[in-house]
Amino acid sequence: MSTIKESVDIARPPEDVYSYVTDPSHLTEWQESAVSVQPLGDAPMGVGSRMVVTRRLGRRTFPMTMEVTEFDPPRSWHMHGVDGPVRGDVHGTIEPLGDGERSRLTLDLDFEAHGMGKLLVPLVVRPQARKEMPKNEQTLKGLLESGAA
């Protein structure tokens, strides 16, 4: 299966967008399926940081431990699921636009399936993610541009 890729232009500097999207405490504010996020440890966000992200798929919730494998403010980050039947793989990039007061956020999302995840990914997870990602990016854009974030 192919990676799901979505981009959105946001009228905020790359540093603002980066600090918001990489802060685990904000994930449930802009991602529809995210129910909760629990950082593991108290070190600042960076390579090696881990968190448990619980997502809703249909009427069920699934926790997944995510690990940061790349952290390059304010340009890019990469997180990979390390456990569970469905392991997300997310790569984000932020490009400055114009005079640097606007940004283009691009998210690449793919999945690794294990056990029952081999059924869930093509039937439920991937279709839900394809539908949800553009909405999530528009929610994020609205929060950042309104100053609510």
Protein backbone atom coordinates (compact mmCIF):
# COMPACT_ATOMS: atom_id res chain seq x y z
CA MET A 1 0.00 0.00 0.00
CA SER A 2 1.09 3.54 -0.60
CA THR A 3 1.88 6.30 1.82
CA ILE A 4 -0.89 8.79 2.52
CA LYS A 5 0.42 12.30 1.89
CA GLU A 6 -1.38 15.57 2.67
CA SER A 7 -0.19 19.18 2.71
CA VAL A 8 -1.68 22.41 4.02
CA ASP A 9 -0.49 26.01 3.93
CA ILE A 10 -0.69 27.80 7.28
CA ALA A 11 -0.35 31.53 7.87
CA ARG A 12 2.14 31.09 10.71
CA PRO A 13 5.96 30.90 10.79
CA PRO A 14 7.55 27.41 10.61
CA GLU A 15 8.76 27.67 14.24
CA ASP A 16 5.18 28.17 15.49
CA VAL A 17 3.79 25.31 13.40
CA TYR A 18 6.63 22.97 14.39
CA SER A 19 6.38 23.64 18.12
CA TYR A 20 2.62 23.02 18.08
CA VAL A 21 2.48 19.87 15.93
CA THR A 22 5.37 18.17 17.74
CA ASP A 23 3.99 18.88 21.23
CA PRO A 24 2.19 15.67 22.28
CA SER A 25 -0.16 17.62 24.58
CA HIS A 26 -1.81 19.19 21.50
CA LEU A 27 -2.41 16.01 19.47
CA THR A 28 -5.99 15.47 20.65
CA GLU A 29 -6.85 19.09 19.79
CA TRP A 30 -6.31 18.63 16.06
CA GLN A 31 -6.41 14.90 15.32
CA GLU A 32 -9.92 13.49 15.21
CA SER A 33 -9.07 9.86 16.10
CA ALA A 34 -6.59 10.71 18.90
CA VAL A 35 -8.22 10.02 22.26
CA SER A 36 -5.22 10.53 24.54
CA VAL A 37 -1.45 10.91 24.58
CA GLN A 38 0.76 9.87 27.48
CA PRO A 39 4.46 10.81 27.25
CA LEU A 40 6.80 8.12 28.58
CA GLY A 41 9.41 9.88 30.69
CA ASP A 42 9.90 13.56 31.36
CA ALA A 43 12.75 14.41 28.97
CA PRO A 44 12.10 17.16 26.42
CA MET A 45 10.76 16.05 23.04
CA GLY A 46 13.54 14.76 20.79
CA VAL A 47 15.03 11.68 19.16
CA GLY A 48 14.30 8.69 21.38
CA SER A 49 11.23 10.25 23.05
CA ARG A 50 8.32 7.86 23.38
CA MET A 51 4.62 8.31 24.01
CA VAL A 52 1.54 6.13 24.10
CA VAL A 53 -1.08 7.44 21.68
CA THR A 54 -4.57 5.97 22.06
CA ARG A 55 -6.72 6.21 18.94
CA ARG A 56 -10.35 5.42 18.23
CA LEU A 57 -11.06 3.08 15.32
CA GLY A 58 -14.78 2.63 14.97
CA ARG A 59 -16.09 1.97 18.48
CA ARG A 60 -12.81 0.59 19.83
CA THR A 61 -9.69 2.29 21.09
CA PHE A 62 -6.16 1.10 20.47
CA PRO A 63 -3.01 2.26 22.28
CA MET A 64 0.24 2.44 20.35
CA THR A 65 3.70 3.42 21.56
CA MET A 66 5.31 5.91 19.20
CA GLU A 67 9.03 6.71 19.17
CA VAL A 68 10.61 9.85 17.73
CA THR A 69 13.33 8.82 15.25
CA GLU A 70 14.04 12.24 13.72
CA PHE A 71 13.66 15.69 15.28
CA ASP A 72 14.99 18.65 13.27
CA PRO A 73 13.26 21.90 14.36
CA PRO A 74 11.67 23.71 12.60
CA ARG A 75 11.95 21.54 9.47
CA SER A 76 11.04 17.89 10.05
CA TRP A 77 10.30 15.04 12.41
CA HIS A 78 9.63 11.31 12.12
CA MET A 79 7.78 9.02 14.50
CA HIS A 80 7.33 5.28 14.27
CA GLY A 81 5.02 2.90 16.14
CA VAL A 82 6.93 0.27 18.08
CA ASP A 83 4.14 -1.97 19.37
CA GLY A 84 0.56 -3.05 18.77
CA PRO A 85 -1.19 -4.61 15.79
CA VAL A 86 -1.16 -1.33 13.82
CA ARG A 87 2.03 0.74 13.91
CA GLY A 88 1.89 4.16 12.40
CA ASP A 89 4.83 5.74 10.63
CA VAL A 90 4.56 9.54 10.39
CA HIS A 91 6.99 11.90 8.73
CA GLY A 92 6.32 15.63 8.87
CA THR A 93 8.03 18.46 7.04
CA ILE A 94 7.53 22.20 7.28
CA GLU A 95 8.67 24.57 4.53
CA PRO A 96 8.77 28.34 4.94
CA LEU A 97 6.66 30.21 2.38
CA GLY A 98 7.08 33.73 1.10
CA ASP A 99 8.75 35.91 3.71
CA GLY A 100 8.81 33.11 6.32
CA GLU A 101 5.57 34.20 7.97
CA ARG A 102 3.70 31.31 6.32
CA SER A 103 4.43 27.59 6.23
CA ARG A 104 3.57 24.49 4.24
CA LEU A 105 3.06 21.44 6.46
CA THR A 106 3.29 18.06 4.72
CA LEU A 107 2.45 14.84 6.54
CA ASP A 108 3.34 11.40 5.17
CA LEU A 109 1.57 8.53 6.91
CA ASP A 110 1.98 4.80 6.45
CA PHE A 111 1.22 1.73 8.52
CA GLU A 112 2.93 -1.49 9.53
CA ALA A 113 0.51 -4.31 10.33
CA HIS A 114 1.02 -7.21 12.76
CA GLY A 115 -1.41 -9.98 13.73
CA MET A 116 -5.00 -8.74 13.51
CA GLY A 117 -3.61 -5.47 12.14
CA LYS A 118 -3.16 -7.24 8.80
CA LEU A 119 -6.96 -7.20 8.51
CA LEU A 120 -7.51 -3.82 10.17
CA VAL A 121 -5.06 -1.76 8.10
CA PRO A 122 -6.59 -2.25 4.63
CA LEU A 123 -10.23 -2.50 5.78
CA VAL A 124 -10.47 0.14 8.51
CA VAL A 125 -7.27 2.02 9.35
CA ARG A 126 -6.09 3.20 5.94
CA PRO A 127 -9.58 4.29 4.71
CA GLN A 128 -10.21 6.15 7.98
CA ALA A 129 -6.81 7.85 7.80
CA ARG A 130 -7.34 8.91 4.16
CA LYS A 131 -10.65 10.51 5.17
CA GLU A 132 -9.37 12.03 8.42
CA MET A 133 -5.99 13.53 7.41
CA PRO A 134 -7.33 16.43 5.30
CA LYS A 135 -9.81 17.30 8.09
CA ASN A 136 -7.04 17.15 10.69
CA GLU A 137 -4.85 19.50 8.69
CA GLN A 138 -7.73 21.97 8.26
CA THR A 139 -8.44 21.82 12.01
CA LEU A 140 -4.75 22.47 12.69
CA LYS A 141 -4.71 25.37 10.23
CA GLY A 142 -7.78 26.89 11.91
CA LEU A 143 -6.31 26.58 15.41
CA LEU A 144 -2.96 28.07 14.44
CA GLU A 145 -4.30 30.88 12.29
CA SER A 146 -6.98 31.92 14.78
CA GLY A 147 -4.45 32.22 17.58
CA ALA A 148 -6.34 29.62 19.64
CA ALA A 149 -3.24 27.43 19.62
